[in-house]
């Protein structure tokens, strides 16, 4: 019995809203990049049609995402599910600032 090949075109997309009062300022941006860097999967953040690499602190800071901002997160790669779970958890917890 043959094993199905790994899905090379799969991805996870999730919409999140920034909950913490100060938005995606330096500390949560650094926590986000540090968390994403633990995974091999590619990670992108899209805001208002602008897409950045979620593993780049400069990219994350350029989003200027404040409280209430809606972001689209996209994960692509072998460990995308684990990456998505951890990163989405940060947003859901308000980066532990709520």
PDB file of N, CA and C in Angstrom:
ATOM      1  N   UNK A   1       0.836  -1.180   0.000  1.00  0.00           N
ATOM      2  CA  UNK A   1       0.000   0.000   0.000  1.00  0.00           C
ATOM      3  C   UNK A   1       0.883   1.246   0.000  1.00  0.00           C
ATOM      4  N   UNK A   2       0.648   2.135  -0.950  1.00  0.00           N
ATOM      5  CA  UNK A   2       1.469   3.342  -1.094  1.00  0.00           C
ATOM      6  C   UNK A   2       1.005   4.417  -0.118  1.00  0.00           C
ATOM      7  N   UNK A   3       1.955   5.191   0.359  1.00  0.00           N
ATOM      8  CA  UNK A   3       1.651   6.304   1.240  1.00  0.00           C
ATOM      9  C   UNK A   3       1.455   7.553   0.398  1.00  0.00           C
ATOM     10  N   UNK A   4       0.454   8.330   0.723  1.00  0.00           N
ATOM     11  CA  UNK A   4       0.210   9.572  -0.015  1.00  0.00           C
ATOM     12  C   UNK A   4       1.370  10.527   0.207  1.00  0.00           C
ATOM     13  N   UNK A   5       1.820  11.191  -0.857  1.00  0.00           N
ATOM     14  CA  UNK A   5       2.928  12.140  -0.704  1.00  0.00           C
ATOM     15  C   UNK A   5       2.509  13.336   0.156  1.00  0.00           C
ATOM     16  N   UNK A   6       3.487  13.946   0.793  1.00  0.00           N
ATOM     17  CA  UNK A   6       3.209  15.134   1.601  1.00  0.00           C
ATOM     18  C   UNK A   6       2.654  16.229   0.697  1.00  0.00           C
ATOM     19  N   UNK A   7       1.729  16.953   1.200  1.00  0.00           N
ATOM     20  CA  UNK A   7       1.093  18.026   0.425  1.00  0.00           C
ATOM     21  C   UNK A   7       2.054  19.209   0.327  1.00  0.00           C
ATOM     22  N   UNK A   8       2.522  19.482  -0.872  1.00  0.00           N
ATOM     23  CA  UNK A   8       3.482  20.568  -1.076  1.00  0.00           C
ATOM     24  C   UNK A   8       2.789  21.920  -1.288  1.00  0.00           C
ATOM     25  N   UNK A   9       1.507  21.891  -1.595  1.00  0.00           N
ATOM     26  CA  UNK A   9       0.808  23.143  -1.867  1.00  0.00           C
ATOM     27  C   UNK A   9      -0.185  23.485  -0.774  1.00  0.00           C
ATOM     28  N   UNK A  10      -0.164  22.749   0.313  1.00  0.00           N
ATOM     29  CA  UNK A  10      -1.079  23.028   1.419  1.00  0.00           C
ATOM     30  C   UNK A  10      -0.629  24.298   2.135  1.00  0.00           C
ATOM     31  N   UNK A  11      -1.547  24.907   2.804  1.00  0.00           N
ATOM     32  CA  UNK A  11      -1.218  26.052   3.646  1.00  0.00           C
ATOM     33  C   UNK A  11      -2.358  26.244   4.636  1.00  0.00           C
ATOM     34  N   UNK A  12      -2.045  26.973   5.668  1.00  0.00           N
ATOM     35  CA  UNK A  12      -3.056  27.322   6.661  1.00  0.00           C
ATOM     36  C   UNK A  12      -3.201  28.831   6.626  1.00  0.00           C
ATOM     37  N   UNK A  13      -4.437  29.296   6.555  1.00  0.00           N
ATOM     38  CA  UNK A  13      -4.715  30.726   6.617  1.00  0.00           C
ATOM     39  C   UNK A  13      -5.699  30.981   7.747  1.00  0.00           C
ATOM     40  N   UNK A  14      -5.460  32.064   8.471  1.00  0.00           N
ATOM     41  CA  UNK A  14      -6.314  32.388   9.613  1.00  0.00           C
ATOM     42  C   UNK A  14      -6.371  33.903   9.765  1.00  0.00           C
ATOM     43  N   UNK A  15      -7.559  34.411  10.022  1.00  0.00           N
ATOM     44  CA  UNK A  15      -7.725  35.827  10.287  1.00  0.00           C
ATOM     45  C   UNK A  15      -7.721  36.044  11.792  1.00  0.00           C
ATOM     46  N   UNK A  16      -6.955  37.020  12.243  1.00  0.00           N
ATOM     47  CA  UNK A  16      -6.873  37.340  13.667  1.00  0.00           C
ATOM     48  C   UNK A  16      -7.090  38.836  13.866  1.00  0.00           C
ATOM     49  N   UNK A  17      -7.493  39.191  15.063  1.00  0.00           N
ATOM     50  CA  UNK A  17      -7.665  40.597  15.430  1.00  0.00           C
ATOM     51  C   UNK A  17      -6.757  40.898  16.604  1.00  0.00           C
ATOM     52  N   UNK A  18      -6.084  42.019  16.548  1.00  0.00           N
ATOM     53  CA  UNK A  18      -5.177  42.406  17.635  1.00  0.00           C
ATOM     54  C   UNK A  18      -5.993  42.887  18.821  1.00  0.00           C
ATOM     55  N   UNK A  19      -5.791  42.233  19.971  1.00  0.00           N
ATOM     56  CA  UNK A  19      -6.565  42.501  21.178  1.00  0.00           C
ATOM     57  C   UNK A  19      -5.865  43.450  22.146  1.00  0.00           C
ATOM     58  N   UNK A  20      -4.539  43.354  22.224  1.00  0.00           N
ATOM     59  CA  UNK A  20      -3.840  44.139  23.237  1.00  0.00           C
ATOM     60  C   UNK A  20      -3.903  45.643  22.922  1.00  0.00           C
ATOM     61  N   UNK A  21      -4.010  46.432  23.967  1.00  0.00           N
ATOM     62  CA  UNK A  21      -4.252  47.870  23.863  1.00  0.00           C
ATOM     63  C   UNK A  21      -3.201  48.606  23.039  1.00  0.00           C
ATOM     64  N   UNK A  22      -1.949  48.254  23.176  1.00  0.00           N
ATOM     65  CA  UNK A  22      -0.871  48.974  22.483  1.00  0.00           C
ATOM     66  C   UNK A  22      -0.627  48.450  21.063  1.00  0.00           C
ATOM     67  N   UNK A  23      -1.354  47.435  20.652  1.00  0.00           N
ATOM     68  CA  UNK A  23      -1.175  46.899  19.305  1.00  0.00           C
ATOM     69  C   UNK A  23       0.109  46.092  19.167  1.00  0.00           C
ATOM     70  N   UNK A  24       0.547  45.962  17.939  1.00  0.00           N
ATOM     71  CA  UNK A  24       1.726  45.138  17.648  1.00  0.00           C
ATOM     72  C   UNK A  24       2.988  45.998  17.761  1.00  0.00           C
ATOM     73  N   UNK A  25       3.241  46.494  18.972  1.00  0.00           N
ATOM     74  CA  UNK A  25       4.422  47.320  19.226  1.00  0.00           C
ATOM     75  C   UNK A  25       5.659  46.429  19.370  1.00  0.00           C
ATOM     76  N   UNK A  26       6.747  46.976  19.799  1.00  0.00           N
ATOM     77  CA  UNK A  26       8.037  46.278  19.792  1.00  0.00           C
ATOM     78  C   UNK A  26       8.037  44.947  20.531  1.00  0.00           C
ATOM     79  N   UNK A  27       7.541  44.905  21.773  1.00  0.00           N
ATOM     80  CA  UNK A  27       7.608  43.655  22.539  1.00  0.00           C
ATOM     81  C   UNK A  27       6.796  42.533  21.899  1.00  0.00           C
ATOM     82  N   UNK A  28       5.514  42.746  21.558  1.00  0.00           N
ATOM     83  CA  UNK A  28       4.781  41.655  20.919  1.00  0.00           C
ATOM     84  C   UNK A  28       5.311  41.317  19.529  1.00  0.00           C
ATOM     85  N   UNK A  29       5.820  42.310  18.814  1.00  0.00           N
ATOM     86  CA  UNK A  29       6.401  42.028  17.498  1.00  0.00           C
ATOM     87  C   UNK A  29       7.616  41.113  17.643  1.00  0.00           C
ATOM     88  N   UNK A  30       8.452  41.385  18.636  1.00  0.00           N
ATOM     89  CA  UNK A  30       9.633  40.549  18.880  1.00  0.00           C
ATOM     90  C   UNK A  30       9.214  39.141  19.308  1.00  0.00           C
ATOM     91  N   UNK A  31       8.191  39.037  20.147  1.00  0.00           N
ATOM     92  CA  UNK A  31       7.699  37.723  20.581  1.00  0.00           C
ATOM     93  C   UNK A  31       7.146  36.942  19.392  1.00  0.00           C
ATOM     94  N   UNK A  32       6.456  37.633  18.501  1.00  0.00           N
ATOM     95  CA  UNK A  32       5.896  37.004  17.314  1.00  0.00           C
ATOM     96  C   UNK A  32       6.995  36.454  16.415  1.00  0.00           C
ATOM     97  N   UNK A  33       8.006  37.274  16.134  1.00  0.00           N
ATOM     98  CA  UNK A  33       9.109  36.855  15.268  1.00  0.00           C
ATOM     99  C   UNK A  33       9.896  35.716  15.914  1.00  0.00           C
ATOM    100  N   UNK A  34      10.150  35.806  17.208  1.00  0.00           N
ATOM    101  CA  UNK A  34      10.884  34.751  17.927  1.00  0.00           C
ATOM    102  C   UNK A  34      10.120  33.425  17.874  1.00  0.00           C
ATOM    103  N   UNK A  35       8.821  33.482  18.073  1.00  0.00           N
ATOM    104  CA  UNK A  35       7.996  32.271  18.020  1.00  0.00           C
ATOM    105  C   UNK A  35       8.006  31.681  16.615  1.00  0.00           C
ATOM    106  N   UNK A  36       7.787  32.505  15.610  1.00  0.00           N
ATOM    107  CA  UNK A  36       7.737  32.036  14.221  1.00  0.00           C
ATOM    108  C   UNK A  36       9.076  31.443  13.777  1.00  0.00           C
ATOM    109  N   UNK A  37      10.178  31.994  14.283  1.00  0.00           N
ATOM    110  CA  UNK A  37      11.509  31.535  13.885  1.00  0.00           C
ATOM    111  C   UNK A  37      11.813  30.116  14.358  1.00  0.00           C
ATOM    112  N   UNK A  38      11.048  29.600  15.316  1.00  0.00           N
ATOM    113  CA  UNK A  38      11.271  28.236  15.808  1.00  0.00           C
ATOM    114  C   UNK A  38      10.831  27.189  14.787  1.00  0.00           C
ATOM    115  N   UNK A  39      10.115  27.620  13.767  1.00  0.00           N
ATOM    116  CA  UNK A  39       9.541  26.692  12.792  1.00  0.00           C
ATOM    117  C   UNK A  39      10.156  26.886  11.413  1.00  0.00           C
ATOM    118  N   UNK A  40      10.181  25.798  10.647  1.00  0.00           N
ATOM    119  CA  UNK A  40      10.720  25.867   9.288  1.00  0.00           C
ATOM    120  C   UNK A  40       9.734  26.484   8.307  1.00  0.00           C
ATOM    121  N   UNK A  41       8.459  26.389   8.601  1.00  0.00           N
ATOM    122  CA  UNK A  41       7.434  26.877   7.685  1.00  0.00           C
ATOM    123  C   UNK A  41       7.578  28.364   7.410  1.00  0.00           C
ATOM    124  N   UNK A  42       7.178  28.748   6.209  1.00  0.00           N
ATOM    125  CA  UNK A  42       7.100  30.155   5.856  1.00  0.00           C
ATOM    126  C   UNK A  42       5.907  30.746   6.594  1.00  0.00           C
ATOM    127  N   UNK A  43       6.016  32.007   6.974  1.00  0.00           N
ATOM    128  CA  UNK A  43       4.949  32.681   7.707  1.00  0.00           C
ATOM    129  C   UNK A  43       4.798  34.091   7.169  1.00  0.00           C
ATOM    130  N   UNK A  44       3.598  34.410   6.717  1.00  0.00           N
ATOM    131  CA  UNK A  44       3.323  35.726   6.145  1.00  0.00           C
ATOM    132  C   UNK A  44       2.153  36.366   6.876  1.00  0.00           C
ATOM    133  N   UNK A  45       2.194  37.687   6.953  1.00  0.00           N
ATOM    134  CA  UNK A  45       1.111  38.463   7.534  1.00  0.00           C
ATOM    135  C   UNK A  45       0.637  39.445   6.470  1.00  0.00           C
ATOM    136  N   UNK A  46      -0.678  39.495   6.285  1.00  0.00           N
ATOM    137  CA  UNK A  46      -1.256  40.405   5.300  1.00  0.00           C
ATOM    138  C   UNK A  46      -2.171  41.376   6.034  1.00  0.00           C
ATOM    139  N   UNK A  47      -1.949  42.671   5.785  1.00  0.00           N
ATOM    140  CA  UNK A  47      -2.791  43.723   6.366  1.00  0.00           C
ATOM    141  C   UNK A  47      -3.086  44.740   5.273  1.00  0.00           C
ATOM    142  N   UNK A  48      -4.351  44.959   5.026  1.00  0.00           N
ATOM    143  CA  UNK A  48      -4.780  45.941   4.019  1.00  0.00           C
ATOM    144  C   UNK A  48      -4.114  45.701   2.662  1.00  0.00           C
ATOM    145  N   UNK A  49      -3.985  44.422   2.273  1.00  0.00           N
ATOM    146  CA  UNK A  49      -3.398  44.073   0.984  1.00  0.00           C
ATOM    147  C   UNK A  49      -1.876  44.099   0.950  1.00  0.00           C
ATOM    148  N   UNK A  50      -1.237  44.448   2.052  1.00  0.00           N
ATOM    149  CA  UNK A  50       0.222  44.513   2.139  1.00  0.00           C
ATOM    150  C   UNK A  50       0.711  43.252   2.840  1.00  0.00           C
ATOM    151  N   UNK A  51       1.590  42.484   2.193  1.00  0.00           N
ATOM    152  CA  UNK A  51       2.086  41.217   2.741  1.00  0.00           C
ATOM    153  C   UNK A  51       3.531  41.350   3.176  1.00  0.00           C
ATOM    154  N   UNK A  52       3.813  40.857   4.380  1.00  0.00           N
ATOM    155  CA  UNK A  52       5.195  40.876   4.886  1.00  0.00           C
ATOM    156  C   UNK A  52       5.579  39.481   5.378  1.00  0.00           C
ATOM    157  N   UNK A  53       6.871  39.267   5.500  1.00  0.00           N
ATOM    158  CA  UNK A  53       7.413  38.044   6.077  1.00  0.00           C
ATOM    159  C   UNK A  53       7.267  38.162   7.592  1.00  0.00           C
ATOM    160  N   UNK A  54       6.508  37.263   8.194  1.00  0.00           N
ATOM    161  CA  UNK A  54       6.264  37.304   9.625  1.00  0.00           C
ATOM    162  C   UNK A  54       7.457  36.939  10.478  1.00  0.00           C
ATOM    163  N   UNK A  55       8.557  36.546   9.851  1.00  0.00           N
ATOM    164  CA  UNK A  55       9.779  36.239  10.597  1.00  0.00           C
ATOM    165  C   UNK A  55      10.750  37.424  10.577  1.00  0.00           C
ATOM    166  N   UNK A  56      10.316  38.542  10.010  1.00  0.00           N
ATOM    167  CA  UNK A  56      11.145  39.744   9.916  1.00  0.00           C
ATOM    168  C   UNK A  56      10.623  40.810  10.877  1.00  0.00           C
ATOM    169  N   UNK A  57      11.438  41.193  11.859  1.00  0.00           N
ATOM    170  CA  UNK A  57      11.015  42.202  12.822  1.00  0.00           C
ATOM    171  C   UNK A  57      10.722  43.525  12.115  1.00  0.00           C
ATOM    172  N   UNK A  58      11.515  43.874  11.124  1.00  0.00           N
ATOM    173  CA  UNK A  58      11.288  45.120  10.375  1.00  0.00           C
ATOM    174  C   UNK A  58       9.946  45.038   9.645  1.00  0.00           C
ATOM    175  N   UNK A  59       9.679  43.902   9.004  1.00  0.00           N
ATOM    176  CA  UNK A  59       8.412  43.723   8.302  1.00  0.00           C
ATOM    177  C   UNK A  59       7.227  43.844   9.241  1.00  0.00           C
ATOM    178  N   UNK A  60       7.304  43.190  10.382  1.00  0.00           N
ATOM    179  CA  UNK A  60       6.202  43.215  11.352  1.00  0.00           C
ATOM    180  C   UNK A  60       5.977  44.642  11.852  1.00  0.00           C
ATOM    181  N   UNK A  61       7.043  45.362  12.136  1.00  0.00           N
ATOM    182  CA  UNK A  61       6.916  46.727  12.640  1.00  0.00           C
ATOM    183  C   UNK A  61       6.320  47.663  11.584  1.00  0.00           C
ATOM    184  N   UNK A  62       6.597  47.415  10.309  1.00  0.00           N
ATOM    185  CA  UNK A  62       6.062  48.293   9.258  1.00  0.00           C
ATOM    186  C   UNK A  62       4.546  48.172   9.117  1.00  0.00           C
ATOM    187  N   UNK A  63       3.955  47.127   9.661  1.00  0.00           N
ATOM    188  CA  UNK A  63       2.507  46.974   9.584  1.00  0.00           C
ATOM    189  C   UNK A  63       1.769  48.043  10.388  1.00  0.00           C
ATOM    190  N   UNK A  64       2.417  48.558  11.426  1.00  0.00           N
ATOM    191  CA  UNK A  64       1.788  49.548  12.314  1.00  0.00           C
ATOM    192  C   UNK A  64       0.386  49.092  12.712  1.00  0.00           C
ATOM    193  N   UNK A  65       0.280  47.847  13.135  1.00  0.00           N
ATOM    194  CA  UNK A  65      -1.010  47.239  13.473  1.00  0.00           C
ATOM    195  C   UNK A  65      -1.405  47.611  14.895  1.00  0.00           C
ATOM    196  N   UNK A  66      -2.487  48.356  15.017  1.00  0.00           N
ATOM    197  CA  UNK A  66      -2.956  48.790  16.330  1.00  0.00           C
ATOM    198  C   UNK A  66      -4.091  47.909  16.823  1.00  0.00           C
ATOM    199  N   UNK A  67      -4.513  48.151  18.045  1.00  0.00           N
ATOM    200  CA  UNK A  67      -5.615  47.381  18.626  1.00  0.00           C
ATOM    201  C   UNK A  67      -6.824  47.435  17.691  1.00  0.00           C
ATOM    202  N   UNK A  68      -7.424  46.273  17.467  1.00  0.00           N
ATOM    203  CA  UNK A  68      -8.583  46.178  16.591  1.00  0.00           C
ATOM    204  C   UNK A  68      -8.244  45.879  15.144  1.00  0.00           C
ATOM    205  N   UNK A  69      -6.967  45.961  14.775  1.00  0.00           N
ATOM    206  CA  UNK A  69      -6.559  45.645  13.408  1.00  0.00           C
ATOM    207  C   UNK A  69      -6.813  44.179  13.111  1.00  0.00           C
ATOM    208  N   UNK A  70      -7.262  43.913  11.899  1.00  0.00           N
ATOM    209  CA  UNK A  70      -7.478  42.542  11.449  1.00  0.00           C
ATOM    210  C   UNK A  70      -6.336  42.165  10.516  1.00  0.00           C
ATOM    211  N   UNK A  71      -5.728  41.022  10.795  1.00  0.00           N
ATOM    212  CA  UNK A  71      -4.606  40.529  10.000  1.00  0.00           C
ATOM    213  C   UNK A  71      -4.931  39.147   9.457  1.00  0.00           C
ATOM    214  N   UNK A  72      -4.434  38.861   8.281  1.00  0.00           N
ATOM    215  CA  UNK A  72      -4.542  37.522   7.712  1.00  0.00           C
ATOM    216  C   UNK A  72      -3.173  36.862   7.892  1.00  0.00           C
ATOM    217  N   UNK A  73      -3.143  35.707   8.516  1.00  0.00           N
ATOM    218  CA  UNK A  73      -1.898  34.963   8.721  1.00  0.00           C
ATOM    219  C   UNK A  73      -1.879  33.794   7.756  1.00  0.00           C
ATOM    220  N   UNK A  74      -0.707  33.529   7.172  1.00  0.00           N
ATOM    221  CA  UNK A  74      -0.574  32.390   6.265  1.00  0.00           C
ATOM    222  C   UNK A  74       0.693  31.615   6.610  1.00  0.00           C
ATOM    223  N   UNK A  75       0.543  30.306   6.753  1.00  0.00           N
ATOM    224  CA  UNK A  75       1.635  29.400   7.105  1.00  0.00           C
ATOM    225  C   UNK A  75       1.777  28.368   5.997  1.00  0.00           C
ATOM    226  N   UNK A  76       3.004  28.133   5.547  1.00  0.00           N
ATOM    227  CA  UNK A  76       3.247  27.154   4.493  1.00  0.00           C
ATOM    228  C   UNK A  76       4.510  26.361   4.821  1.00  0.00           C
ATOM    229  N   UNK A  77       4.374  25.039   4.916  1.00  0.00           N
ATOM    230  CA  UNK A  77       5.549  24.215   5.149  1.00  0.00           C
ATOM    231  C   UNK A  77       5.228  22.967   5.944  1.00  0.00           C
ATOM    232  N   UNK A  78       6.255  22.177   6.164  1.00  0.00           N
ATOM    233  CA  UNK A  78       6.092  20.878   6.815  1.00  0.00           C
ATOM    234  C   UNK A  78       5.545  20.966   8.236  1.00  0.00           C
ATOM    235  N   UNK A  79       5.902  22.031   8.971  1.00  0.00           N
ATOM    236  CA  UNK A  79       5.426  22.156  10.352  1.00  0.00           C
ATOM    237  C   UNK A  79       4.420  23.304  10.502  1.00  0.00           C
ATOM    238  N   UNK A  80       3.673  23.568   9.417  1.00  0.00           N
ATOM    239  CA  UNK A  80       2.740  24.700   9.404  1.00  0.00           C
ATOM    240  C   UNK A  80       1.670  24.614  10.495  1.00  0.00           C
ATOM    241  N   UNK A  81       1.206  23.421  10.801  1.00  0.00           N
ATOM    242  CA  UNK A  81       0.154  23.287  11.810  1.00  0.00           C
ATOM    243  C   UNK A  81       0.661  23.688  13.194  1.00  0.00           C
ATOM    244  N   UNK A  82       1.839  23.218  13.546  1.00  0.00           N
ATOM    245  CA  UNK A  82       2.419  23.578  14.846  1.00  0.00           C
ATOM    246  C   UNK A  82       2.731  25.072  14.897  1.00  0.00           C
ATOM    247  N   UNK A  83       3.266  25.603  13.808  1.00  0.00           N
ATOM    248  CA  UNK A  83       3.576  27.039  13.748  1.00  0.00           C
ATOM    249  C   UNK A  83       2.303  27.855  13.904  1.00  0.00           C
ATOM    250  N   UNK A  84       1.263  27.487  13.179  1.00  0.00           N
ATOM    251  CA  UNK A  84      -0.007  28.208  13.244  1.00  0.00           C
ATOM    252  C   UNK A  84      -0.573  28.178  14.660  1.00  0.00           C
ATOM    253  N   UNK A  85      -0.538  27.019  15.296  1.00  0.00           N
ATOM    254  CA  UNK A  85      -1.084  26.894  16.653  1.00  0.00           C
ATOM    255  C   UNK A  85      -0.381  27.836  17.631  1.00  0.00           C
ATOM    256  N   UNK A  86       0.942  27.876  17.573  1.00  0.00           N
ATOM    257  CA  UNK A  86       1.683  28.730  18.518  1.00  0.00           C
ATOM    258  C   UNK A  86       1.501  30.203  18.228  1.00  0.00           C
ATOM    259  N   UNK A  87       1.601  30.579  16.960  1.00  0.00           N
ATOM    260  CA  UNK A  87       1.490  31.993  16.595  1.00  0.00           C
ATOM    261  C   UNK A  87       0.065  32.508  16.847  1.00  0.00           C
ATOM    262  N   UNK A  88      -0.928  31.757  16.448  1.00  0.00           N
ATOM    263  CA  UNK A  88      -2.317  32.170  16.667  1.00  0.00           C
ATOM    264  C   UNK A  88      -2.600  32.284  18.162  1.00  0.00           C
ATOM    265  N   UNK A  89      -2.000  31.392  18.948  1.00  0.00           N
ATOM    266  CA  UNK A  89      -2.148  31.473  20.399  1.00  0.00           C
ATOM    267  C   UNK A  89      -1.667  32.805  20.961  1.00  0.00           C
ATOM    268  N   UNK A  90      -0.580  33.335  20.417  1.00  0.00           N
ATOM    269  CA  UNK A  90      -0.086  34.644  20.860  1.00  0.00           C
ATOM    270  C   UNK A  90      -1.145  35.720  20.646  1.00  0.00           C
ATOM    271  N   UNK A  91      -1.742  35.717  19.464  1.00  0.00           N
ATOM    272  CA  UNK A  91      -2.779  36.713  19.159  1.00  0.00           C
ATOM    273  C   UNK A  91      -3.989  36.522  20.050  1.00  0.00           C
ATOM    274  N   UNK A  92      -4.408  35.268  20.242  1.00  0.00           N
ATOM    275  CA  UNK A  92      -5.595  34.997  21.068  1.00  0.00           C
ATOM    276  C   UNK A  92      -5.391  35.416  22.518  1.00  0.00           C
ATOM    277  N   UNK A  93      -4.161  35.335  23.003  1.00  0.00           N
ATOM    278  CA  UNK A  93      -3.853  35.735  24.379  1.00  0.00           C
ATOM    279  C   UNK A  93      -3.530  37.231  24.486  1.00  0.00           C
ATOM    280  N   UNK A  94      -3.616  37.943  23.369  1.00  0.00           N
ATOM    281  CA  UNK A  94      -3.272  39.374  23.402  1.00  0.00           C
ATOM    282  C   UNK A  94      -1.828  39.586  23.753  1.00  0.00           C
ATOM    283  N   UNK A  95      -0.967  38.639  23.340  1.00  0.00           N
ATOM    284  CA  UNK A  95       0.465  38.695  23.626  1.00  0.00           C
ATOM    285  C   UNK A  95       0.711  38.838  25.125  1.00  0.00           C
ATOM    286  N   UNK A  96      -0.199  38.270  25.904  1.00  0.00           N
ATOM    287  CA  UNK A  96      -0.124  38.280  27.377  1.00  0.00           C
ATOM    288  C   UNK A  96      -0.124  39.705  27.940  1.00  0.00           C
ATOM    289  N   UNK A  97      -0.737  40.639  27.205  1.00  0.00           N
ATOM    290  CA  UNK A  97      -0.842  42.022  27.672  1.00  0.00           C
ATOM    291  C   UNK A  97      -2.281  42.416  27.972  1.00  0.00           C
ATOM    292  N   UNK A  98      -3.232  41.505  27.771  1.00  0.00           N
ATOM    293  CA  UNK A  98      -4.646  41.849  27.968  1.00  0.00           C
ATOM    294  C   UNK A  98      -5.021  41.658  29.420  1.00  0.00           C
TER     295      UNK A  98
END
